[in-house]
């Protein structure tokens, strides 16, 4: 059975390779792009953000539900004994009148009535009904939908910004991972040179031209190289673990190597175009604009709450009475139209209006500040990319010089015209020059990724 961490990069890679060339920059690494897509799908931080968006969407749905017609069922039955009673002297009130009527009519048509008492707690009493309610005009309900819509859009934009940041993190981590492979190639080449040096020195010792110390020196240098290679392999394992963490995978999963990434050409970028692009493509700005819109809507809502009443329609219909029976005598219906309006609230609504206006002003300032930060970030990223390119160009020249020096010293050493120390210095200079060039180019690729992130690409 195929594992996801092995199958997913292959499938996404095939997708990118199948796209028309206008959809994929030939300079870009298809392998890296496949990993980026995998990270955007499985990264736990991104998944958490998606859940937050779903949560905000549910709040929007709840806000919409508040404006809908509501119908509910309610039934209760009461059995009671004891409690307070109200003595009602109905006999004392009616019996004198009844006696007078009987005397006048010479009959017993009006019998005497006993005094009675009424129990406050109803016994054997039920109420079974349907309740309904419909808000006719409610500014809270009306504007809350708009506010929640803006908040959902804002969270979605901020999540897109997180995805762009993750794209950069994955790119940077992949460059560091590849850097360990390229560095090992340099050290392995250095080891090959030193191994050849050892064989040459051994031949000098066998021929009695030199003493054993030159062989020991070669062994010493080889041991240093082996230690450097071991450290590189350890760093590679750490880089792989972090890279897989960003992808949401097992941290020991194998990572495909695309050495061609270190051979790509970095294009020239125009700063003015980059600044314009950052203002139109950065999702943080879209998100803050949505939050500012929500704050503005809330300010309007609070203002209308102060001036306009709330109007609603409600009612119920069902059965109510003693004994759990349903008949015409117990049937009832109730309808009501309600209106609420605060005449005095201790300036509560006025303070709410002022608070909402301050929220809007804060959101506006945050948006303006973020725009300036993005401009600064873009400018700094562009400057750092130019500096990294210049450093790489200098490192490339140093490699050419170091290679030339090494060839001359190597020939002189083999001809017996240079000391071993001179040879080792030339080889160390050559190796360091290649390492410096590698680090400089890695910095160029990383700074380019940071620049693309700054402009929202």
Protein backbone atom coordinates (compact mmCIF):
# COMPACT_ATOMS: atom_id res chain seq x y z
CA UNK A 1 0.00 0.00 0.00
CA UNK A 2 1.27 3.49 -0.86
CA UNK A 3 1.83 5.81 2.07
CA UNK A 4 0.57 9.38 1.82
CA UNK A 5 4.00 10.89 2.47
CA UNK A 6 5.37 9.00 -0.53
CA UNK A 7 2.44 9.15 -2.92
CA UNK A 8 1.35 12.79 -2.41
CA UNK A 9 4.50 14.53 -3.72
CA UNK A 10 4.51 12.27 -6.78
CA UNK A 11 0.88 13.05 -7.65
CA UNK A 12 1.28 16.80 -7.20
CA UNK A 13 4.55 16.70 -9.15
CA UNK A 14 2.78 14.98 -12.05
CA UNK A 15 0.11 17.70 -11.89
CA UNK A 16 2.68 20.47 -12.24
CA UNK A 17 4.56 18.71 -15.02
CA UNK A 18 1.30 18.31 -16.96
CA UNK A 19 0.45 22.03 -16.87
CA UNK A 20 1.06 24.26 -19.91
CA UNK A 21 4.31 26.20 -19.70
CA UNK A 22 2.53 29.51 -19.29
CA UNK A 23 1.13 28.27 -15.98
CA UNK A 24 4.47 27.22 -14.49
CA UNK A 25 7.63 29.29 -14.36
CA UNK A 26 10.36 27.20 -15.93
CA UNK A 27 12.74 28.61 -13.31
CA UNK A 28 10.72 27.10 -10.48
CA UNK A 29 11.28 23.68 -8.97
CA UNK A 30 8.35 21.36 -9.66
CA UNK A 31 9.37 19.25 -6.68
CA UNK A 32 9.37 22.26 -4.36
CA UNK A 33 5.99 23.39 -5.69
CA UNK A 34 4.57 19.95 -5.02
CA UNK A 35 5.82 20.13 -1.44
CA UNK A 36 4.31 23.60 -1.03
CA UNK A 37 0.91 22.33 -2.17
CA UNK A 38 1.20 19.40 0.22
CA UNK A 39 2.07 21.73 3.09
CA UNK A 40 -0.89 23.98 2.34
CA UNK A 41 -3.13 20.92 2.52
CA UNK A 42 -1.75 19.09 5.55
CA UNK A 43 0.02 21.68 7.73
CA UNK A 44 -1.61 21.65 11.17
CA UNK A 45 -1.46 25.43 11.54
CA UNK A 46 -3.29 25.88 8.23
CA UNK A 47 -5.87 23.26 9.20
CA UNK A 48 -6.44 25.11 12.48
CA UNK A 49 -6.95 28.34 10.56
CA UNK A 50 -9.47 26.67 8.26
CA UNK A 51 -11.42 25.54 11.32
CA UNK A 52 -11.43 29.13 12.60
CA UNK A 53 -12.96 30.23 9.29
CA UNK A 54 -15.60 27.52 9.59
CA UNK A 55 -16.31 28.71 13.13
CA UNK A 56 -16.72 32.30 11.91
CA UNK A 57 -19.01 31.06 9.14
CA UNK A 58 -21.19 29.36 11.73
CA UNK A 59 -21.46 32.64 13.63
CA UNK A 60 -22.59 34.26 10.38
CA UNK A 61 -25.23 31.54 9.95
CA UNK A 62 -26.39 32.16 13.51
CA UNK A 63 -26.72 35.87 12.76
CA UNK A 64 -28.85 35.07 9.73
CA UNK A 65 -31.05 32.76 11.82
CA UNK A 66 -31.94 35.59 14.20
CA UNK A 67 -33.98 37.29 11.46
CA UNK A 68 -36.03 34.20 10.60
CA UNK A 69 -39.52 33.16 11.77
CA UNK A 70 -39.36 31.02 14.93
CA UNK A 71 -41.92 28.44 16.01
CA UNK A 72 -41.65 26.47 19.24
CA UNK A 73 -43.68 23.90 21.15
CA UNK A 74 -44.22 24.07 24.90
CA UNK A 75 -46.20 21.78 27.20
CA UNK A 76 -46.41 21.64 30.99
CA UNK A 77 -48.66 20.02 33.58
CA UNK A 78 -48.91 21.13 37.22
CA UNK A 79 -49.91 19.06 40.27
CA UNK A 80 -49.88 20.97 43.56
CA UNK A 81 -50.92 20.52 47.19
CA UNK A 82 -50.84 22.96 50.06
CA UNK A 83 -49.38 26.38 49.91
CA UNK A 84 -51.00 29.72 50.53
CA UNK A 85 -54.77 30.15 50.19
CA UNK A 86 -57.00 33.17 49.74
CA UNK A 87 -60.18 33.12 51.84
CA UNK A 88 -63.06 34.49 49.80
CA UNK A 89 -66.27 35.21 51.86
CA UNK A 90 -68.66 34.78 49.00
CA UNK A 91 -71.32 33.31 51.32
CA UNK A 92 -71.22 36.31 53.66
CA UNK A 93 -71.59 38.58 50.66
CA UNK A 94 -74.37 36.79 48.76
CA UNK A 95 -76.45 34.99 51.39
CA UNK A 96 -78.18 38.16 52.79
CA UNK A 97 -79.10 39.13 49.26
CA UNK A 98 -80.33 35.60 48.49
CA UNK A 99 -82.43 35.54 51.67
CA UNK A 100 -84.08 38.81 50.71
CA UNK A 101 -84.84 37.53 47.23
CA UNK A 102 -86.29 34.30 48.61
CA UNK A 103 -88.52 36.34 50.99
CA UNK A 104 -89.76 38.58 48.23
CA UNK A 105 -90.43 35.71 45.85
CA UNK A 106 -91.79 33.43 48.56
CA UNK A 107 -89.52 30.67 47.26
CA UNK A 108 -86.16 28.98 47.79
CA UNK A 109 -84.83 29.77 44.36
CA UNK A 110 -81.60 31.19 45.80
CA UNK A 111 -79.89 28.65 48.09
CA UNK A 112 -77.23 29.66 50.55
CA UNK A 113 -73.62 29.69 49.40
CA UNK A 114 -70.67 28.55 51.51
CA UNK A 115 -67.61 30.72 52.01
CA UNK A 116 -64.67 29.38 49.96
CA UNK A 117 -60.88 29.58 49.74
CA UNK A 118 -58.74 29.75 46.58
CA UNK A 119 -55.41 27.88 46.47
CA UNK A 120 -52.64 29.96 44.91
CA UNK A 121 -50.87 26.92 43.40
CA UNK A 122 -53.02 25.47 40.59
CA UNK A 123 -53.61 21.73 40.89
CA UNK A 124 -54.23 19.42 37.93
CA UNK A 125 -53.53 22.29 35.57
CA UNK A 126 -51.93 22.13 32.11
CA UNK A 127 -50.84 24.44 29.33
CA UNK A 128 -49.96 23.08 25.88
CA UNK A 129 -49.16 25.61 23.19
CA UNK A 130 -47.20 26.68 20.12
CA UNK A 131 -45.22 29.92 20.39
CA UNK A 132 -44.13 32.00 17.41
CA UNK A 133 -41.96 35.09 17.04
CA UNK A 134 -40.79 37.24 14.14
CA UNK A 135 -38.55 40.32 14.38
CA UNK A 136 -40.07 42.93 12.07
CA UNK A 137 -37.41 45.60 12.54
CA UNK A 138 -34.28 45.09 14.62
CA UNK A 139 -31.07 46.97 13.84
CA UNK A 140 -28.93 44.51 15.83
CA UNK A 141 -30.14 41.57 13.76
CA UNK A 142 -29.91 43.45 10.48
CA UNK A 143 -26.41 44.85 10.88
CA UNK A 144 -24.96 41.86 12.72
CA UNK A 145 -25.24 39.86 9.50
CA UNK A 146 -23.15 42.46 7.67
CA UNK A 147 -20.60 42.54 10.48
CA UNK A 148 -20.22 38.76 10.55
CA UNK A 149 -19.93 38.66 6.74
CA UNK A 150 -17.04 41.15 6.90
CA UNK A 151 -15.38 39.20 9.71
CA UNK A 152 -15.55 35.94 7.75
CA UNK A 153 -14.01 37.64 4.72
CA UNK A 154 -11.32 39.17 6.93
CA UNK A 155 -10.42 35.85 8.53
CA UNK A 156 -10.25 34.22 5.10
CA UNK A 157 -7.84 36.90 3.87
CA UNK A 158 -5.68 36.53 6.97
CA UNK A 159 -5.64 32.77 6.43
CA UNK A 160 -4.43 33.37 2.87
CA UNK A 161 -1.66 35.52 4.34
CA UNK A 162 -0.69 32.64 6.63
CA UNK A 163 -0.55 30.36 3.60
CA UNK A 164 1.81 32.78 1.86
CA UNK A 165 3.99 32.84 4.96
CA UNK A 166 3.97 29.04 5.09
CA UNK A 167 4.98 28.94 1.42
CA UNK A 168 8.05 31.01 2.29
CA UNK A 169 8.85 28.86 5.34
CA UNK A 170 8.68 25.68 3.25
CA UNK A 171 10.85 27.23 0.53
CA UNK A 172 13.43 28.42 3.05
CA UNK A 173 13.50 25.04 4.82
CA UNK A 174 13.89 23.19 1.51
CA UNK A 175 16.79 25.45 0.49
CA UNK A 176 18.52 24.75 3.81
CA UNK A 177 17.94 21.02 3.30
CA UNK A 178 19.40 21.11 -0.22
CA UNK A 179 22.26 23.23 1.04
CA UNK A 180 23.49 20.33 3.18
CA UNK A 181 23.58 18.07 0.11
CA UNK A 182 25.50 20.60 -1.96
CA UNK A 183 27.89 21.27 0.93
CA UNK A 184 28.57 17.56 1.28
CA UNK A 185 29.49 17.40 -2.41
CA UNK A 186 32.08 20.12 -1.80
CA UNK A 187 33.52 18.33 1.22
CA UNK A 188 33.51 14.99 -0.58
CA UNK A 189 35.50 16.59 -3.38
CA UNK A 190 37.87 17.99 -0.77
CA UNK A 191 38.21 14.51 0.72
CA UNK A 192 38.98 13.10 -2.72
CA UNK A 193 41.77 15.66 -3.17
CA UNK A 194 43.19 14.91 0.28
CA UNK A 195 43.02 11.16 -0.35
CA UNK A 196 44.99 11.68 -3.56
CA UNK A 197 47.42 13.85 -1.58
CA UNK A 198 47.91 11.04 0.93
CA UNK A 199 48.68 8.54 -1.84
CA UNK A 200 51.12 10.97 -3.41
CA UNK A 201 52.80 11.63 -0.06
CA UNK A 202 53.06 7.89 0.61
CA UNK A 203 54.85 7.49 -2.72
CA UNK A 204 57.26 10.26 -1.70
CA UNK A 205 57.97 8.46 1.58
CA UNK A 206 58.49 5.13 -0.18
CA UNK A 207 60.96 6.77 -2.54
CA UNK A 208 62.81 8.35 0.36
CA UNK A 209 62.03 11.86 -0.81
CA UNK A 210 60.03 12.86 2.29
CA UNK A 211 59.42 11.77 5.87
CA UNK A 212 56.35 10.14 7.46
CA UNK A 213 55.01 13.40 8.87
CA UNK A 214 53.53 14.41 5.49
CA UNK A 215 51.39 11.25 5.51
CA UNK A 216 50.26 11.94 9.08
CA UNK A 217 49.39 15.49 8.08
CA UNK A 218 47.20 14.17 5.26
CA UNK A 219 45.47 11.79 7.71
CA UNK A 220 44.88 14.69 10.08
CA UNK A 221 43.27 16.76 7.32
CA UNK A 222 41.14 13.78 6.23
CA UNK A 223 39.87 13.36 9.79
CA UNK A 224 38.81 17.02 9.87
CA UNK A 225 36.92 16.55 6.60
CA UNK A 226 35.20 13.40 7.89
CA UNK A 227 34.06 15.32 10.96
CA UNK A 228 32.72 18.14 8.77
CA UNK A 229 30.80 15.62 6.64
CA UNK A 230 29.34 13.98 9.77
CA UNK A 231 28.15 17.37 11.05
CA UNK A 232 26.57 18.07 7.66
CA UNK A 233 24.67 14.80 7.76
CA UNK A 234 23.45 15.60 11.28
CA UNK A 235 22.34 19.06 10.12
CA UNK A 236 20.57 17.45 7.17
CA UNK A 237 18.56 15.22 9.51
CA UNK A 238 17.51 18.27 11.53
CA UNK A 239 16.63 20.20 8.36
CA UNK A 240 14.61 17.24 7.09
CA UNK A 241 12.70 16.95 10.39
CA UNK A 242 11.79 20.65 10.35
CA UNK A 243 10.82 20.53 6.67
CA UNK A 244 8.51 17.54 7.25
CA UNK A 245 7.03 19.29 10.28
CA UNK A 246 6.00 22.19 8.04
CA UNK A 247 4.36 19.70 5.68
CA UNK A 248 2.46 17.99 8.49
CA UNK A 249 4.25 14.69 7.82
CA UNK A 250 6.28 12.16 9.76
CA UNK A 251 9.48 14.03 10.55
CA UNK A 252 11.61 11.09 9.38
CA UNK A 253 9.98 10.94 5.94
CA UNK A 254 12.34 11.01 3.00
CA UNK A 255 12.62 14.26 1.07
CA UNK A 256 13.16 14.36 -2.68
CA UNK A 257 16.24 16.29 -3.78
CA UNK A 258 16.11 18.82 -6.62
CA UNK A 259 19.68 20.02 -7.07
CA UNK A 260 18.61 21.93 -10.19
CA UNK A 261 17.12 24.53 -7.84
CA UNK A 262 20.67 25.73 -7.13
CA UNK A 263 21.30 26.17 -10.86
CA UNK A 264 18.27 28.34 -11.64
CA UNK A 265 18.60 31.94 -12.74
CA UNK A 266 17.13 34.56 -10.43
CA UNK A 267 15.43 37.27 -12.52
CA UNK A 268 15.79 40.99 -12.00
CA UNK A 269 12.97 42.67 -10.09
CA UNK A 270 11.84 46.28 -10.32
CA UNK A 271 11.31 47.94 -6.94
CA UNK A 272 8.53 50.30 -8.11
CA UNK A 273 6.58 47.43 -9.65
CA UNK A 274 7.14 45.41 -6.48
CA UNK A 275 5.76 48.18 -4.27
CA UNK A 276 2.69 48.47 -6.48
CA UNK A 277 2.20 44.71 -6.44
CA UNK A 278 2.48 44.53 -2.65
CA UNK A 279 -0.32 47.07 -2.24
CA UNK A 280 -2.65 45.07 -4.48
CA UNK A 281 -1.76 41.49 -3.57
CA UNK A 282 -0.97 41.37 0.13
CA UNK A 283 -3.83 39.53 1.82
CA UNK A 284 -3.17 41.24 5.14
CA UNK A 285 -4.44 44.48 3.61
CA UNK A 286 -7.58 42.78 2.33
CA UNK A 287 -8.18 41.32 5.77
CA UNK A 288 -7.70 44.64 7.58
CA UNK A 289 -10.02 46.32 5.08
CA UNK A 290 -12.68 43.74 5.93
CA UNK A 291 -12.17 44.31 9.66
CA UNK A 292 -12.37 48.08 9.12
CA UNK A 293 -15.62 47.55 7.22
CA UNK A 294 -16.97 45.51 10.15
CA UNK A 295 -16.02 48.31 12.57
CA UNK A 296 -17.73 50.88 10.33
CA UNK A 297 -20.88 48.77 10.13
CA UNK A 298 -20.91 48.41 13.91
CA UNK A 299 -20.63 52.19 14.26
CA UNK A 300 -23.63 52.65 11.96
CA UNK A 301 -25.57 50.02 13.92
CA UNK A 302 -24.99 51.73 17.26
CA UNK A 303 -26.09 55.05 15.77
CA UNK A 304 -29.34 53.58 14.46
CA UNK A 305 -29.96 51.79 17.78
CA UNK A 306 -30.09 55.21 19.45
CA UNK A 307 -32.58 56.67 16.96
CA UNK A 308 -34.81 53.76 15.95
CA UNK A 309 -37.04 51.40 17.99
CA UNK A 310 -37.26 47.63 17.74
CA UNK A 311 -40.49 46.13 16.43
CA UNK A 312 -41.50 42.49 16.69
CA UNK A 313 -44.50 40.19 16.25
CA UNK A 314 -45.21 37.24 18.52
CA UNK A 315 -47.91 35.09 20.02
CA UNK A 316 -49.07 31.63 20.98
CA UNK A 317 -52.04 29.32 20.52
CA UNK A 318 -52.99 26.10 22.28
CA UNK A 319 -54.91 24.79 25.31
CA UNK A 320 -54.95 25.89 28.93
CA UNK A 321 -57.06 24.73 31.88
CA UNK A 322 -57.70 22.23 34.68
CA UNK A 323 -57.54 18.58 33.76
CA UNK A 324 -55.40 17.34 30.91
CA UNK A 325 -58.05 17.67 28.23
CA UNK A 326 -58.24 19.42 24.88
CA UNK A 327 -61.60 21.02 24.12
CA UNK A 328 -63.10 24.29 22.99
CA UNK A 329 -63.33 25.62 26.53
CA UNK A 330 -59.57 25.26 27.02
CA UNK A 331 -58.51 26.45 23.55
CA UNK A 332 -57.01 29.91 23.28
CA UNK A 333 -54.97 32.09 20.91
CA UNK A 334 -52.80 35.09 21.68
CA UNK A 335 -51.09 37.53 19.32
CA UNK A 336 -48.99 40.55 20.16
CA UNK A 337 -47.08 43.30 18.44
CA UNK A 338 -44.27 44.77 20.49
CA UNK A 339 -42.20 47.93 20.26
CA UNK A 340 -39.25 48.82 22.47
CA UNK A 341 -37.37 52.09 22.63
CA UNK A 342 -34.99 53.36 25.30
CA UNK A 343 -35.93 56.83 26.48
CA UNK A 344 -33.26 57.06 29.17
CA UNK A 345 -30.29 54.71 29.44
CA UNK A 346 -27.74 56.69 31.43
CA UNK A 347 -25.85 57.60 28.21
CA UNK A 348 -25.12 53.91 27.63
CA UNK A 349 -25.95 54.04 23.92
CA UNK A 350 -24.03 57.28 23.47
CA UNK A 351 -20.94 55.67 24.96
CA UNK A 352 -21.40 52.62 22.73
CA UNK A 353 -21.52 54.89 19.68
CA UNK A 354 -18.31 56.61 20.75
CA UNK A 355 -16.63 53.26 21.38
CA UNK A 356 -17.63 51.95 17.94
CA UNK A 357 -16.26 55.10 16.29
CA UNK A 358 -12.97 54.62 18.12
CA UNK A 359 -12.87 51.00 16.93
CA UNK A 360 -13.25 52.24 13.36
CA UNK A 361 -10.49 54.82 13.82
CA UNK A 362 -8.20 52.16 15.31
CA UNK A 363 -8.87 49.83 12.37
CA UNK A 364 -8.11 52.67 9.95
CA UNK A 365 -4.82 53.47 11.66
CA UNK A 366 -3.87 49.79 11.72
CA UNK A 367 -4.53 49.54 7.99
CA UNK A 368 -2.45 52.65 7.23
CA UNK A 369 0.37 51.42 9.47
CA UNK A 370 0.33 47.98 7.87
CA UNK A 371 0.57 49.55 4.41
CA UNK A 372 3.68 51.45 5.48
CA UNK A 373 5.13 48.31 7.07
CA UNK A 374 4.57 46.35 3.86
CA UNK A 375 6.23 49.10 1.81
CA UNK A 376 9.20 49.02 4.18
CA UNK A 377 9.28 45.23 4.15
CA UNK A 378 9.24 45.18 0.35
CA UNK A 379 11.99 47.80 0.09
CA UNK A 380 14.20 46.02 2.63
CA UNK A 381 13.61 42.66 0.95
CA UNK A 382 14.57 44.13 -2.43
CA UNK A 383 17.73 45.72 -0.98
CA UNK A 384 18.70 42.49 0.76
CA UNK A 385 18.20 40.55 -2.47
CA UNK A 386 20.47 42.96 -4.35
CA UNK A 387 23.10 42.68 -1.60
CA UNK A 388 22.87 38.88 -1.68
CA UNK A 389 23.34 38.88 -5.45
CA UNK A 390 26.39 41.11 -5.16
CA UNK A 391 27.86 38.85 -2.47
CA UNK A 392 27.28 35.84 -4.70
CA UNK A 393 28.98 37.54 -7.65
CA UNK A 394 31.98 38.31 -5.43
CA UNK A 395 32.01 34.73 -4.17
CA UNK A 396 31.94 33.45 -7.75
CA UNK A 397 35.01 35.54 -8.60
CA UNK A 398 36.74 34.24 -5.49
CA UNK A 399 36.07 30.66 -6.62
CA UNK A 400 37.76 31.33 -9.97
CA UNK A 401 40.75 32.87 -8.22
CA UNK A 402 40.97 30.07 -5.65
CA UNK A 403 40.78 27.40 -8.38
CA UNK A 404 43.57 29.11 -10.31
CA UNK A 405 45.76 29.35 -7.21
CA UNK A 406 45.10 25.72 -6.37
CA UNK A 407 46.09 24.50 -9.85
CA UNK A 408 49.37 26.41 -9.71
CA UNK A 409 50.26 25.30 -6.17
CA UNK A 410 49.24 21.70 -6.92
CA UNK A 411 51.57 21.56 -9.92
CA UNK A 412 54.38 23.19 -7.94
CA UNK A 413 53.90 20.76 -5.03
CA UNK A 414 54.04 17.74 -7.29
CA UNK A 415 57.19 19.19 -8.87
CA UNK A 416 58.73 19.65 -5.45
CA UNK A 417 58.64 23.44 -5.69
CA UNK A 418 56.03 24.12 -2.98
CA UNK A 419 55.66 23.11 0.65
CA UNK A 420 52.87 20.86 1.94
CA UNK A 421 51.57 23.77 4.01
CA UNK A 422 51.21 25.86 0.84
CA UNK A 423 49.25 23.05 -0.81
CA UNK A 424 46.93 22.65 2.19
CA UNK A 425 46.33 26.39 2.35
CA UNK A 426 45.49 26.48 -1.36
CA UNK A 427 43.11 23.53 -1.03
CA UNK A 428 41.47 25.01 2.09
CA UNK A 429 41.09 28.34 0.28
CA UNK A 430 39.48 26.56 -2.67
CA UNK A 431 37.08 24.59 -0.46
CA UNK A 432 36.14 27.67 1.56
CA UNK A 433 35.56 29.63 -1.64
CA UNK A 434 33.15 26.97 -2.91
CA UNK A 435 31.39 26.87 0.47
CA UNK A 436 31.12 30.66 0.53
CA UNK A 437 29.68 30.62 -2.98
CA UNK A 438 27.17 27.94 -1.96
CA UNK A 439 26.10 29.89 1.12
CA UNK A 440 25.89 33.09 -0.93
CA UNK A 441 23.67 31.45 -3.55
CA UNK A 442 21.50 29.89 -0.84
CA UNK A 443 21.13 33.38 0.57
CA UNK A 444 20.13 34.69 -2.87
CA UNK A 445 17.42 32.03 -3.18
CA UNK A 446 16.19 32.68 0.36
CA UNK A 447 16.16 36.45 -0.11
CA UNK A 448 14.29 36.04 -3.39
CA UNK A 449 11.66 33.92 -1.62
CA UNK A 450 11.40 36.59 1.10
CA UNK A 451 11.03 39.28 -1.57
CA UNK A 452 8.28 37.34 -3.34
CA UNK A 453 6.52 36.94 -0.01
CA UNK A 454 6.78 40.69 0.60
CA UNK A 455 5.08 41.47 -2.72
CA UNK A 456 2.39 38.84 -2.14
CA UNK A 457 3.49 36.25 -4.71
